[in-house]
Amino acid sequence: MDFMKFMTEFHQNGCIVKELNQTFIALIPKCTNPETMKDYRPISLIRSLYKLLAKVLAGRMRKVIGSVVGESHMAFVHNRQILDSFVIAEDIIHHWKKNKDGGLLVKLDFEKAYDSLDHGF
C-alpha cells in the first residue's frame, strides 16, 4: 500500500487497515540455553507504514500533550523527567524532618506488572 493512500485513509476513516496493524513478536534469547519464557526478551516488529503514522501522530501530539497530561505525570512529556519525582519525594522528606512532621510515602514497584495480567492470549 502506498504511503499517501494509507495516510489519507487513516485521516478520513480514523482506522488502520487490519493487515498493517499486525505485529510480529520475535523471542530473543537472553542466555545461551533458554529453558523458560523468562529466558527470552520479546521484540515487537511492526510494519514501517505503521511506524511512520505513529511518528506523525506523536509529532502532532507533542504540541498539546503538556496541556492535556496532568502535572503529576513526569515521564514521556517534553521538559519533564521521571527523576523529578524522586527529587520531589526527597524535598517532602526533608520538609518533614525539618519541621518534625509525619507523613506516609508509598513506593510501588510496577516491574513486570504487564506480565502478571491475564491478557486473554
PDB file of N, CA and C in Angstrom:
ATOM      1  N   MET A   1       0.860  -1.177   0.000  1.00  0.00           N
ATOM      2  CA  MET A   1       0.000   0.000   0.000  1.00  0.00           C
ATOM      3  C   MET A   1       0.899   1.229   0.000  1.00  0.00           C
ATOM      4  N   ASP A   2       0.548   2.206  -0.789  1.00  0.00           N
ATOM      5  CA  ASP A   2       1.393   3.393  -0.843  1.00  0.00           C
ATOM      6  C   ASP A   2       1.104   4.314   0.342  1.00  0.00           C
ATOM      7  N   PHE A   3       2.113   5.070   0.715  1.00  0.00           N
ATOM      8  CA  PHE A   3       2.082   5.871   1.944  1.00  0.00           C
ATOM      9  C   PHE A   3       0.951   6.896   1.946  1.00  0.00           C
ATOM     10  N   MET A   4       0.785   7.649   0.864  1.00  0.00           N
ATOM     11  CA  MET A   4      -0.243   8.699   0.818  1.00  0.00           C
ATOM     12  C   MET A   4      -1.645   8.105   0.910  1.00  0.00           C
ATOM     13  N   LYS A   5      -1.862   6.972   0.252  1.00  0.00           N
ATOM     14  CA  LYS A   5      -3.170   6.310   0.319  1.00  0.00           C
ATOM     15  C   LYS A   5      -3.443   5.863   1.752  1.00  0.00           C
ATOM     16  N   PHE A   6      -2.442   5.311   2.383  1.00  0.00           N
ATOM     17  CA  PHE A   6      -2.560   4.859   3.772  1.00  0.00           C
ATOM     18  C   PHE A   6      -2.903   6.021   4.699  1.00  0.00           C
ATOM     19  N   MET A   7      -2.167   7.133   4.581  1.00  0.00           N
ATOM     20  CA  MET A   7      -2.391   8.293   5.449  1.00  0.00           C
ATOM     21  C   MET A   7      -3.758   8.927   5.189  1.00  0.00           C
ATOM     22  N   THR A   8      -4.153   9.024   3.921  1.00  0.00           N
ATOM     23  CA  THR A   8      -5.457   9.599   3.578  1.00  0.00           C
ATOM     24  C   THR A   8      -6.582   8.745   4.148  1.00  0.00           C
ATOM     25  N   GLU A   9      -6.462   7.429   3.993  1.00  0.00           N
ATOM     26  CA  GLU A   9      -7.490   6.523   4.521  1.00  0.00           C
ATOM     27  C   GLU A   9      -7.580   6.627   6.042  1.00  0.00           C
ATOM     28  N   PHE A  10      -6.443   6.706   6.697  1.00  0.00           N
ATOM     29  CA  PHE A  10      -6.455   6.846   8.155  1.00  0.00           C
ATOM     30  C   PHE A  10      -7.105   8.169   8.555  1.00  0.00           C
ATOM     31  N   HIS A  11      -6.746   9.242   7.866  1.00  0.00           N
ATOM     32  CA  HIS A  11      -7.279  10.571   8.192  1.00  0.00           C
ATOM     33  C   HIS A  11      -8.795  10.628   7.973  1.00  0.00           C
ATOM     34  N   GLN A  12      -9.284  10.013   6.907  1.00  0.00           N
ATOM     35  CA  GLN A  12     -10.713  10.064   6.591  1.00  0.00           C
ATOM     36  C   GLN A  12     -11.540   9.115   7.452  1.00  0.00           C
ATOM     37  N   ASN A  13     -11.030   7.921   7.686  1.00  0.00           N
ATOM     38  CA  ASN A  13     -11.812   6.887   8.375  1.00  0.00           C
ATOM     39  C   ASN A  13     -11.438   6.710   9.843  1.00  0.00           C
ATOM     40  N   GLY A  14     -10.259   7.172  10.217  1.00  0.00           N
ATOM     41  CA  GLY A  14      -9.821   7.018  11.604  1.00  0.00           C
ATOM     42  C   GLY A  14      -9.479   5.594  11.980  1.00  0.00           C
ATOM     43  N   CYS A  15      -9.224   4.760  10.988  1.00  0.00           N
ATOM     44  CA  CYS A  15      -8.843   3.377  11.300  1.00  0.00           C
ATOM     45  C   CYS A  15      -7.697   2.945  10.386  1.00  0.00           C
ATOM     46  N   ILE A  16      -7.057   1.882  10.810  1.00  0.00           N
ATOM     47  CA  ILE A  16      -5.905   1.358  10.083  1.00  0.00           C
ATOM     48  C   ILE A  16      -6.300   0.021   9.472  1.00  0.00           C
ATOM     49  N   VAL A  17      -5.895  -0.210   8.246  1.00  0.00           N
ATOM     50  CA  VAL A  17      -6.143  -1.486   7.593  1.00  0.00           C
ATOM     51  C   VAL A  17      -5.590  -2.592   8.487  1.00  0.00           C
ATOM     52  N   LYS A  18      -6.388  -3.618   8.721  1.00  0.00           N
ATOM     53  CA  LYS A  18      -6.037  -4.677   9.669  1.00  0.00           C
ATOM     54  C   LYS A  18      -4.649  -5.272   9.400  1.00  0.00           C
ATOM     55  N   GLU A  19      -4.345  -5.511   8.161  1.00  0.00           N
ATOM     56  CA  GLU A  19      -3.060  -6.135   7.822  1.00  0.00           C
ATOM     57  C   GLU A  19      -1.872  -5.264   8.231  1.00  0.00           C
ATOM     58  N   LEU A  20      -2.057  -3.942   8.196  1.00  0.00           N
ATOM     59  CA  LEU A  20      -0.959  -3.039   8.550  1.00  0.00           C
ATOM     60  C   LEU A  20      -0.811  -2.870  10.057  1.00  0.00           C
ATOM     61  N   ASN A  21      -1.811  -3.297  10.802  1.00  0.00           N
ATOM     62  CA  ASN A  21      -1.789  -3.148  12.250  1.00  0.00           C
ATOM     63  C   ASN A  21      -1.250  -4.399  12.939  1.00  0.00           C
ATOM     64  N   GLN A  22      -0.856  -5.388  12.174  1.00  0.00           N
ATOM     65  CA  GLN A  22      -0.350  -6.623  12.752  1.00  0.00           C
ATOM     66  C   GLN A  22       1.099  -6.454  13.186  1.00  0.00           C
ATOM     67  N   THR A  23       1.432  -7.106  14.280  1.00  0.00           N
ATOM     68  CA  THR A  23       2.790  -7.058  14.819  1.00  0.00           C
ATOM     69  C   THR A  23       3.325  -8.479  14.934  1.00  0.00           C
ATOM     70  N   PHE A  24       4.551  -8.663  14.542  1.00  0.00           N
ATOM     71  CA  PHE A  24       5.223  -9.951  14.697  1.00  0.00           C
ATOM     72  C   PHE A  24       6.110  -9.862  15.930  1.00  0.00           C
ATOM     73  N   ILE A  25       5.962 -10.807  16.842  1.00  0.00           N
ATOM     74  CA  ILE A  25       6.775 -10.803  18.058  1.00  0.00           C
ATOM     75  C   ILE A  25       7.841 -11.883  17.933  1.00  0.00           C
ATOM     76  N   ALA A  26       9.092 -11.460  17.976  1.00  0.00           N
ATOM     77  CA  ALA A  26      10.224 -12.385  17.928  1.00  0.00           C
ATOM     78  C   ALA A  26      10.768 -12.542  19.341  1.00  0.00           C
ATOM     79  N   LEU A  27      11.070 -13.765  19.719  1.00  0.00           N
ATOM     80  CA  LEU A  27      11.635 -14.030  21.041  1.00  0.00           C
ATOM     81  C   LEU A  27      13.146 -14.154  20.918  1.00  0.00           C
ATOM     82  N   ILE A  28      13.857 -13.251  21.552  1.00  0.00           N
ATOM     83  CA  ILE A  28      15.313 -13.222  21.516  1.00  0.00           C
ATOM     84  C   ILE A  28      15.825 -13.831  22.817  1.00  0.00           C
ATOM     85  N   PRO A  29      16.644 -14.884  22.735  1.00  0.00           N
ATOM     86  CA  PRO A  29      17.146 -15.496  23.975  1.00  0.00           C
ATOM     87  C   PRO A  29      18.075 -14.559  24.741  1.00  0.00           C
ATOM     88  N   LYS A  30      17.905 -14.532  26.074  1.00  0.00           N
ATOM     89  CA  LYS A  30      18.759 -13.713  26.942  1.00  0.00           C
ATOM     90  C   LYS A  30      20.023 -14.463  27.344  1.00  0.00           C
ATOM     91  N   CYS A  31      19.976 -15.785  27.269  1.00  0.00           N
ATOM     92  CA  CYS A  31      21.122 -16.594  27.696  1.00  0.00           C
ATOM     93  C   CYS A  31      21.402 -17.664  26.643  1.00  0.00           C
ATOM     94  N   THR A  32      22.446 -18.446  26.869  1.00  0.00           N
ATOM     95  CA  THR A  32      22.874 -19.447  25.893  1.00  0.00           C
ATOM     96  C   THR A  32      21.865 -20.573  25.714  1.00  0.00           C
ATOM     97  N   ASN A  33      21.361 -21.128  26.805  1.00  0.00           N
ATOM     98  CA  ASN A  33      20.413 -22.244  26.732  1.00  0.00           C
ATOM     99  C   ASN A  33      19.098 -21.871  27.410  1.00  0.00           C
ATOM    100  N   PRO A  34      18.237 -21.136  26.744  1.00  0.00           N
ATOM    101  CA  PRO A  34      16.983 -20.724  27.375  1.00  0.00           C
ATOM    102  C   PRO A  34      16.070 -21.921  27.642  1.00  0.00           C
ATOM    103  N   GLU A  35      15.456 -21.929  28.830  1.00  0.00           N
ATOM    104  CA  GLU A  35      14.574 -23.032  29.205  1.00  0.00           C
ATOM    105  C   GLU A  35      13.150 -22.572  29.492  1.00  0.00           C
ATOM    106  N   THR A  36      12.988 -21.343  29.982  1.00  0.00           N
ATOM    107  CA  THR A  36      11.653 -20.835  30.290  1.00  0.00           C
ATOM    108  C   THR A  36      11.430 -19.528  29.536  1.00  0.00           C
ATOM    109  N   MET A  37      10.195 -19.052  29.568  1.00  0.00           N
ATOM    110  CA  MET A  37       9.871 -17.799  28.879  1.00  0.00           C
ATOM    111  C   MET A  37      10.623 -16.613  29.472  1.00  0.00           C
ATOM    112  N   LYS A  38      10.990 -16.689  30.749  1.00  0.00           N
ATOM    113  CA  LYS A  38      11.751 -15.603  31.375  1.00  0.00           C
ATOM    114  C   LYS A  38      13.143 -15.469  30.765  1.00  0.00           C
ATOM    115  N   ASP A  39      13.596 -16.515  30.075  1.00  0.00           N
ATOM    116  CA  ASP A  39      14.913 -16.505  29.446  1.00  0.00           C
ATOM    117  C   ASP A  39      14.901 -15.842  28.062  1.00  0.00           C
ATOM    118  N   TYR A  40      13.738 -15.324  27.659  1.00  0.00           N
ATOM    119  CA  TYR A  40      13.605 -14.672  26.356  1.00  0.00           C
ATOM    120  C   TYR A  40      13.190 -13.213  26.525  1.00  0.00           C
ATOM    121  N   ARG A  41      13.593 -12.400  25.574  1.00  0.00           N
ATOM    122  CA  ARG A  41      13.180 -10.990  25.528  1.00  0.00           C
ATOM    123  C   ARG A  41      12.296 -10.824  24.290  1.00  0.00           C
ATOM    124  N   PRO A  42      11.015 -10.463  24.481  1.00  0.00           N
ATOM    125  CA  PRO A  42      10.148 -10.286  23.309  1.00  0.00           C
ATOM    126  C   PRO A  42      10.444  -8.963  22.597  1.00  0.00           C
ATOM    127  N   ILE A  43      10.576  -9.019  21.299  1.00  0.00           N
ATOM    128  CA  ILE A  43      10.807  -7.835  20.475  1.00  0.00           C
ATOM    129  C   ILE A  43       9.653  -7.745  19.474  1.00  0.00           C
ATOM    130  N   SER A  44       8.972  -6.604  19.450  1.00  0.00           N
ATOM    131  CA  SER A  44       7.857  -6.411  18.519  1.00  0.00           C
ATOM    132  C   SER A  44       8.375  -5.824  17.215  1.00  0.00           C
ATOM    133  N   LEU A  45       8.054  -6.473  16.125  1.00  0.00           N
ATOM    134  CA  LEU A  45       8.435  -5.997  14.800  1.00  0.00           C
ATOM    135  C   LEU A  45       7.162  -5.513  14.113  1.00  0.00           C
ATOM    136  N   ILE A  46       7.069  -4.203  13.876  1.00  0.00           N
ATOM    137  CA  ILE A  46       5.869  -3.659  13.255  1.00  0.00           C
ATOM    138  C   ILE A  46       6.204  -3.123  11.871  1.00  0.00           C
ATOM    139  N   ARG A  47       5.192  -2.995  11.060  1.00  0.00           N
ATOM    140  CA  ARG A  47       5.386  -2.538   9.676  1.00  0.00           C
ATOM    141  C   ARG A  47       5.796  -1.069   9.639  1.00  0.00           C
ATOM    142  N   SER A  48       6.548  -0.712   8.617  1.00  0.00           N
ATOM    143  CA  SER A  48       7.096   0.644   8.531  1.00  0.00           C
ATOM    144  C   SER A  48       6.018   1.711   8.339  1.00  0.00           C
ATOM    145  N   LEU A  49       4.915   1.416   7.638  1.00  0.00           N
ATOM    146  CA  LEU A  49       3.844   2.406   7.483  1.00  0.00           C
ATOM    147  C   LEU A  49       3.225   2.744   8.836  1.00  0.00           C
ATOM    148  N   TYR A  50       3.064   1.738   9.661  1.00  0.00           N
ATOM    149  CA  TYR A  50       2.511   1.943  10.998  1.00  0.00           C
ATOM    150  C   TYR A  50       3.464   2.800  11.830  1.00  0.00           C
ATOM    151  N   LYS A  51       4.766   2.544  11.697  1.00  0.00           N
ATOM    152  CA  LYS A  51       5.768   3.344  12.414  1.00  0.00           C
ATOM    153  C   LYS A  51       5.726   4.803  11.961  1.00  0.00           C
ATOM    154  N   LEU A  52       5.600   5.020  10.666  1.00  0.00           N
ATOM    155  CA  LEU A  52       5.529   6.387  10.142  1.00  0.00           C
ATOM    156  C   LEU A  52       4.296   7.118  10.669  1.00  0.00           C
ATOM    157  N   LEU A  53       3.160   6.434  10.698  1.00  0.00           N
ATOM    158  CA  LEU A  53       1.943   7.040  11.232  1.00  0.00           C
ATOM    159  C   LEU A  53       2.132   7.398  12.703  1.00  0.00           C
ATOM    160  N   ALA A  54       2.740   6.499  13.460  1.00  0.00           N
ATOM    161  CA  ALA A  54       2.989   6.762  14.881  1.00  0.00           C
ATOM    162  C   ALA A  54       3.875   7.992  15.058  1.00  0.00           C
ATOM    163  N   LYS A  55       4.894   8.139  14.209  1.00  0.00           N
ATOM    164  CA  LYS A  55       5.779   9.313  14.281  1.00  0.00           C
ATOM    165  C   LYS A  55       5.014  10.604  13.977  1.00  0.00           C
ATOM    166  N   VAL A  56       4.169  10.569  12.947  1.00  0.00           N
ATOM    167  CA  VAL A  56       3.384  11.751  12.581  1.00  0.00           C
ATOM    168  C   VAL A  56       2.454  12.136  13.727  1.00  0.00           C
ATOM    169  N   LEU A  57       1.740  11.146  14.276  1.00  0.00           N
ATOM    170  CA  LEU A  57       0.815  11.425  15.384  1.00  0.00           C
ATOM    171  C   LEU A  57       1.557  11.917  16.622  1.00  0.00           C
ATOM    172  N   ALA A  58       2.700  11.307  16.918  1.00  0.00           N
ATOM    173  CA  ALA A  58       3.488  11.735  18.083  1.00  0.00           C
ATOM    174  C   ALA A  58       3.951  13.178  17.919  1.00  0.00           C
ATOM    175  N   GLY A  59       4.356  13.543  16.714  1.00  0.00           N
ATOM    176  CA  GLY A  59       4.778  14.921  16.457  1.00  0.00           C
ATOM    177  C   GLY A  59       3.653  15.914  16.663  1.00  0.00           C
ATOM    178  N   ARG A  60       2.459  15.546  16.234  1.00  0.00           N
ATOM    179  CA  ARG A  60       1.308  16.437  16.415  1.00  0.00           C
ATOM    180  C   ARG A  60       0.882  16.501  17.878  1.00  0.00           C
ATOM    181  N   MET A  61       0.923  15.365  18.559  1.00  0.00           N
ATOM    182  CA  MET A  61       0.510  15.327  19.966  1.00  0.00           C
ATOM    183  C   MET A  61       1.496  16.067  20.862  1.00  0.00           C
ATOM    184  N   ARG A  62       2.768  16.062  20.465  1.00  0.00           N
ATOM    185  CA  ARG A  62       3.808  16.707  21.268  1.00  0.00           C
ATOM    186  C   ARG A  62       3.480  18.179  21.530  1.00  0.00           C
ATOM    187  N   LYS A  63       2.801  18.806  20.574  1.00  0.00           N
ATOM    188  CA  LYS A  63       2.469  20.226  20.695  1.00  0.00           C
ATOM    189  C   LYS A  63       1.436  20.501  21.788  1.00  0.00           C
ATOM    190  N   VAL A  64       0.570  19.534  22.088  1.00  0.00           N
ATOM    191  CA  VAL A  64      -0.514  19.772  23.052  1.00  0.00           C
ATOM    192  C   VAL A  64      -0.450  18.891  24.293  1.00  0.00           C
ATOM    193  N   ILE A  65       0.398  17.879  24.289  1.00  0.00           N
ATOM    194  CA  ILE A  65       0.396  16.891  25.372  1.00  0.00           C
ATOM    195  C   ILE A  65       0.667  17.509  26.738  1.00  0.00           C
ATOM    196  N   GLY A  66       1.510  18.536  26.795  1.00  0.00           N
ATOM    197  CA  GLY A  66       1.819  19.174  28.075  1.00  0.00           C
ATOM    198  C   GLY A  66       0.606  19.797  28.731  1.00  0.00           C
ATOM    199  N   SER A  67      -0.345  20.269  27.931  1.00  0.00           N
ATOM    200  CA  SER A  67      -1.550  20.877  28.499  1.00  0.00           C
ATOM    201  C   SER A  67      -2.642  19.850  28.768  1.00  0.00           C
ATOM    202  N   VAL A  68      -2.497  18.645  28.224  1.00  0.00           N
ATOM    203  CA  VAL A  68      -3.506  17.600  28.403  1.00  0.00           C
ATOM    204  C   VAL A  68      -3.145  16.676  29.565  1.00  0.00           C
ATOM    205  N   VAL A  69      -1.884  16.332  29.680  1.00  0.00           N
ATOM    206  CA  VAL A  69      -1.415  15.417  30.720  1.00  0.00           C
ATOM    207  C   VAL A  69      -1.194  16.209  32.002  1.00  0.00           C
ATOM    208  N   GLY A  70      -1.648  15.668  33.120  1.00  0.00           N
ATOM    209  CA  GLY A  70      -1.523  16.347  34.405  1.00  0.00           C
ATOM    210  C   GLY A  70      -0.080  16.602  34.807  1.00  0.00           C
ATOM    211  N   GLU A  71       0.117  17.592  35.668  1.00  0.00           N
ATOM    212  CA  GLU A  71       1.467  17.965  36.101  1.00  0.00           C
ATOM    213  C   GLU A  71       2.142  16.865  36.908  1.00  0.00           C
ATOM    214  N   SER A  72       1.364  15.973  37.514  1.00  0.00           N
ATOM    215  CA  SER A  72       1.960  14.906  38.320  1.00  0.00           C
ATOM    216  C   SER A  72       2.557  13.800  37.456  1.00  0.00           C
ATOM    217  N   HIS A  73       2.217  13.757  36.181  1.00  0.00           N
ATOM    218  CA  HIS A  73       2.778  12.760  35.268  1.00  0.00           C
ATOM    219  C   HIS A  73       4.129  13.266  34.783  1.00  0.00           C
ATOM    220  N   MET A  74       5.188  12.564  35.140  1.00  0.00           N
ATOM    221  CA  MET A  74       6.538  13.074  34.880  1.00  0.00           C
ATOM    222  C   MET A  74       7.218  12.467  33.656  1.00  0.00           C
ATOM    223  N   ALA A  75       6.851  11.285  33.263  1.00  0.00           N
ATOM    224  CA  ALA A  75       7.578  10.606  32.192  1.00  0.00           C
ATOM    225  C   ALA A  75       6.943  10.852  30.828  1.00  0.00           C
ATOM    226  N   PHE A  76       7.765  10.821  29.797  1.00  0.00           N
ATOM    227  CA  PHE A  76       7.354  10.862  28.398  1.00  0.00           C
ATOM    228  C   PHE A  76       6.665  12.164  27.990  1.00  0.00           C
ATOM    229  N   VAL A  77       6.936  13.243  28.690  1.00  0.00           N
ATOM    230  CA  VAL A  77       6.430  14.562  28.314  1.00  0.00           C
ATOM    231  C   VAL A  77       7.634  15.491  28.221  1.00  0.00           C
ATOM    232  N   HIS A  78       7.706  16.276  27.154  1.00  0.00           N
ATOM    233  CA  HIS A  78       8.835  17.178  26.933  1.00  0.00           C
ATOM    234  C   HIS A  78       9.017  18.108  28.134  1.00  0.00           C
ATOM    235  N   ASN A  79      10.256  18.314  28.522  1.00  0.00           N
ATOM    236  CA  ASN A  79      10.650  19.156  29.665  1.00  0.00           C
ATOM    237  C   ASN A  79      10.243  18.588  31.021  1.00  0.00           C
ATOM    238  N   ARG A  80       9.866  17.323  31.067  1.00  0.00           N
ATOM    239  CA  ARG A  80       9.611  16.653  32.341  1.00  0.00           C
ATOM    240  C   ARG A  80      10.455  15.387  32.363  1.00  0.00           C
ATOM    241  N   GLN A  81      10.975  15.068  33.530  1.00  0.00           N
ATOM    242  CA  GLN A  81      11.799  13.873  33.646  1.00  0.00           C
ATOM    243  C   GLN A  81      11.282  13.021  34.787  1.00  0.00           C
ATOM    244  N   ILE A  82      11.342  11.711  34.597  1.00  0.00           N
ATOM    245  CA  ILE A  82      10.833  10.791  35.606  1.00  0.00           C
ATOM    246  C   ILE A  82      11.593  10.947  36.924  1.00  0.00           C
ATOM    247  N   LEU A  83      12.854  11.372  36.851  1.00  0.00           N
ATOM    248  CA  LEU A  83      13.644  11.544  38.076  1.00  0.00           C
ATOM    249  C   LEU A  83      13.163  12.722  38.913  1.00  0.00           C
ATOM    250  N   ASP A  84      12.388  13.619  38.321  1.00  0.00           N
ATOM    251  CA  ASP A  84      11.835  14.737  39.089  1.00  0.00           C
ATOM    252  C   ASP A  84      10.978  14.241  40.251  1.00  0.00           C
ATOM    253  N   SER A  85      10.339  13.101  40.082  1.00  0.00           N
ATOM    254  CA  SER A  85       9.511  12.528  41.155  1.00  0.00           C
ATOM    255  C   SER A  85      10.350  12.219  42.386  1.00  0.00           C
ATOM    256  N   PHE A  86      11.559  11.733  42.171  1.00  0.00           N
ATOM    257  CA  PHE A  86      12.437  11.410  43.298  1.00  0.00           C
ATOM    258  C   PHE A  86      12.901  12.681  44.013  1.00  0.00           C
ATOM    259  N   VAL A  87      13.159  13.717  43.252  1.00  0.00           N
ATOM    260  CA  VAL A  87      13.563  14.996  43.847  1.00  0.00           C
ATOM    261  C   VAL A  87      12.429  15.545  44.707  1.00  0.00           C
ATOM    262  N   ILE A  88      11.211  15.468  44.207  1.00  0.00           N
ATOM    263  CA  ILE A  88      10.050  15.929  44.976  1.00  0.00           C
ATOM    264  C   ILE A  88       9.903  15.111  46.252  1.00  0.00           C
ATOM    265  N   ALA A  89      10.062  13.794  46.161  1.00  0.00           N
ATOM    266  CA  ALA A  89       9.958  12.932  47.344  1.00  0.00           C
ATOM    267  C   ALA A  89      11.030  13.301  48.369  1.00  0.00           C
ATOM    268  N   GLU A  90      12.253  13.539  47.914  1.00  0.00           N
ATOM    269  CA  GLU A  90      13.323  13.949  48.834  1.00  0.00           C
ATOM    270  C   GLU A  90      12.998  15.277  49.501  1.00  0.00           C
ATOM    271  N   ASP A  91      12.446  16.217  48.750  1.00  0.00           N
ATOM    272  CA  ASP A  91      12.054  17.516  49.321  1.00  0.00           C
ATOM    273  C   ASP A  91      10.987  17.346  50.397  1.00  0.00           C
ATOM    274  N   ILE A  92      10.033  16.473  50.150  1.00  0.00           N
ATOM    275  CA  ILE A  92       8.970  16.229  51.135  1.00  0.00           C
ATOM    276  C   ILE A  92       9.548  15.628  52.407  1.00  0.00           C
ATOM    277  N   ILE A  93      10.427  14.638  52.264  1.00  0.00           N
ATOM    278  CA  ILE A  93      11.050  14.002  53.436  1.00  0.00           C
ATOM    279  C   ILE A  93      11.873  15.025  54.210  1.00  0.00           C
ATOM    280  N   HIS A  94      12.634  15.834  53.497  1.00  0.00           N
ATOM    281  CA  HIS A  94      13.438  16.879  54.149  1.00  0.00           C
ATOM    282  C   HIS A  94      12.532  17.840  54.926  1.00  0.00           C
ATOM    283  N   HIS A  95      11.428  18.243  54.323  1.00  0.00           N
ATOM    284  CA  HIS A  95      10.478  19.151  54.982  1.00  0.00           C
ATOM    285  C   HIS A  95       9.915  18.507  56.253  1.00  0.00           C
ATOM    286  N   TRP A  96       9.547  17.229  56.168  1.00  0.00           N
ATOM    287  CA  TRP A  96       9.005  16.531  57.342  1.00  0.00           C
ATOM    288  C   TRP A  96      10.029  16.480  58.471  1.00  0.00           C
ATOM    289  N   LYS A  97      11.270  16.141  58.119  1.00  0.00           N
ATOM    290  CA  LYS A  97      12.313  16.043  59.147  1.00  0.00           C
ATOM    291  C   LYS A  97      12.596  17.400  59.772  1.00  0.00           C
ATOM    292  N   LYS A  98      12.681  18.427  58.942  1.00  0.00           N
ATOM    293  CA  LYS A  98      12.993  19.773  59.423  1.00  0.00           C
ATOM    294  C   LYS A  98      11.899  20.300  60.356  1.00  0.00           C
ATOM    295  N   ASN A  99      10.653  20.041  60.025  1.00  0.00           N
ATOM    296  CA  ASN A  99       9.526  20.550  60.819  1.00  0.00           C
ATOM    297  C   ASN A  99       9.000  19.532  61.828  1.00  0.00           C
ATOM    298  N   LYS A 100       9.688  18.388  61.910  1.00  0.00           N
ATOM    299  CA  LYS A 100       9.276  17.301  62.801  1.00  0.00           C
ATOM    300  C   LYS A 100       7.816  16.897  62.550  1.00  0.00           C
ATOM    301  N   ASP A 101       7.443  16.903  61.284  1.00  0.00           N
ATOM    302  CA  ASP A 101       6.113  16.452  60.871  1.00  0.00           C
ATOM    303  C   ASP A 101       6.184  14.976  60.517  1.00  0.00           C
ATOM    304  N   GLY A 102       5.042  14.370  60.398  1.00  0.00           N
ATOM    305  CA  GLY A 102       4.976  12.978  59.975  1.00  0.00           C
ATOM    306  C   GLY A 102       4.267  12.884  58.641  1.00  0.00           C
ATOM    307  N   GLY A 103       4.336  11.747  58.059  1.00  0.00           N
ATOM    308  CA  GLY A 103       3.657  11.540  56.791  1.00  0.00           C
ATOM    309  C   GLY A 103       3.832  10.114  56.331  1.00  0.00           C
ATOM    310  N   LEU A 104       3.309   9.828  55.186  1.00  0.00           N
ATOM    311  CA  LEU A 104       3.386   8.483  54.639  1.00  0.00           C
ATOM    312  C   LEU A 104       3.764   8.573  53.167  1.00  0.00           C
ATOM    313  N   LEU A 105       4.812   7.872  52.801  1.00  0.00           N
ATOM    314  CA  LEU A 105       5.206   7.750  51.399  1.00  0.00           C
ATOM    315  C   LEU A 105       5.030   6.296  50.995  1.00  0.00           C
ATOM    316  N   VAL A 106       4.544   6.077  49.808  1.00  0.00           N
ATOM    317  CA  VAL A 106       4.352   4.723  49.306  1.00  0.00           C
ATOM    318  C   VAL A 106       5.116   4.592  47.997  1.00  0.00           C
ATOM    319  N   LYS A 107       5.930   3.549  47.899  1.00  0.00           N
ATOM    320  CA  LYS A 107       6.650   3.274  46.652  1.00  0.00           C
ATOM    321  C   LYS A 107       6.079   1.989  46.084  1.00  0.00           C
ATOM    322  N   LEU A 108       5.576   2.072  44.890  1.00  0.00           N
ATOM    323  CA  LEU A 108       5.021   0.905  44.221  1.00  0.00           C
ATOM    324  C   LEU A 108       5.978   0.461  43.127  1.00  0.00           C
ATOM    325  N   ASP A 109       6.255  -0.821  43.087  1.00  0.00           N
ATOM    326  CA  ASP A 109       7.147  -1.368  42.074  1.00  0.00           C
ATOM    327  C   ASP A 109       6.300  -2.054  41.009  1.00  0.00           C
ATOM    328  N   PHE A 110       6.216  -1.445  39.838  1.00  0.00           N
ATOM    329  CA  PHE A 110       5.401  -1.998  38.768  1.00  0.00           C
ATOM    330  C   PHE A 110       6.217  -2.862  37.809  1.00  0.00           C
ATOM    331  N   GLU A 111       7.405  -3.269  38.225  1.00  0.00           N
ATOM    332  CA  GLU A 111       8.231  -4.098  37.358  1.00  0.00           C
ATOM    333  C   GLU A 111       7.483  -5.375  37.008  1.00  0.00           C
ATOM    334  N   LYS A 112       7.443  -5.678  35.761  1.00  0.00           N
ATOM    335  CA  LYS A 112       6.797  -6.865  35.217  1.00  0.00           C
ATOM    336  C   LYS A 112       5.304  -6.905  35.508  1.00  0.00           C
ATOM    337  N   ALA A 113       4.683  -5.760  35.772  1.00  0.00           N
ATOM    338  CA  ALA A 113       3.241  -5.720  36.022  1.00  0.00           C
ATOM    339  C   ALA A 113       2.477  -6.199  34.794  1.00  0.00           C
ATOM    340  N   TYR A 114       2.974  -5.864  33.619  1.00  0.00           N
ATOM    341  CA  TYR A 114       2.314  -6.288  32.380  1.00  0.00           C
ATOM    342  C   TYR A 114       2.257  -7.805  32.308  1.00  0.00           C
ATOM    343  N   ASP A 115       3.334  -8.472  32.712  1.00  0.00           N
ATOM    344  CA  ASP A 115       3.394  -9.931  32.640  1.00  0.00           C
ATOM    345  C   ASP A 115       2.473 -10.601  33.644  1.00  0.00           C
ATOM    346  N   SER A 116       2.080  -9.891  34.705  1.00  0.00           N
ATOM    347  CA  SER A 116       1.263 -10.517  35.741  1.00  0.00           C
ATOM    348  C   SER A 116      -0.232 -10.446  35.429  1.00  0.00           C
ATOM    349  N   LEU A 117      -0.616  -9.759  34.360  1.00  0.00           N
ATOM    350  CA  LEU A 117      -2.023  -9.643  33.980  1.00  0.00           C
ATOM    351  C   LEU A 117      -2.393 -10.713  32.968  1.00  0.00           C
ATOM    352  N   ASP A 118      -3.636 -11.157  33.022  1.00  0.00           N
ATOM    353  CA  ASP A 118      -4.134 -12.097  32.028  1.00  0.00           C
ATOM    354  C   ASP A 118      -4.649 -11.295  30.843  1.00  0.00           C
ATOM    355  N   HIS A 119      -4.003 -11.437  29.707  1.00  0.00           N
ATOM    356  CA  HIS A 119      -4.371 -10.667  28.523  1.00  0.00           C
ATOM    357  C   HIS A 119      -5.296 -11.444  27.589  1.00  0.00           C
ATOM    358  N   GLY A 120      -5.613 -12.668  27.940  1.00  0.00           N
ATOM    359  CA  GLY A 120      -6.541 -13.450  27.130  1.00  0.00           C
ATOM    360  C   GLY A 120      -5.951 -14.017  25.847  1.00  0.00           C
ATOM    361  N   PHE A 121      -4.623 -14.070  25.764  1.00  0.00           N
ATOM    362  CA  PHE A 121      -4.000 -14.681  24.586  1.00  0.00           C
ATOM    363  C   PHE A 121      -2.819 -15.504  24.995  1.00  0.00           C
TER     364      PHE A 121
END
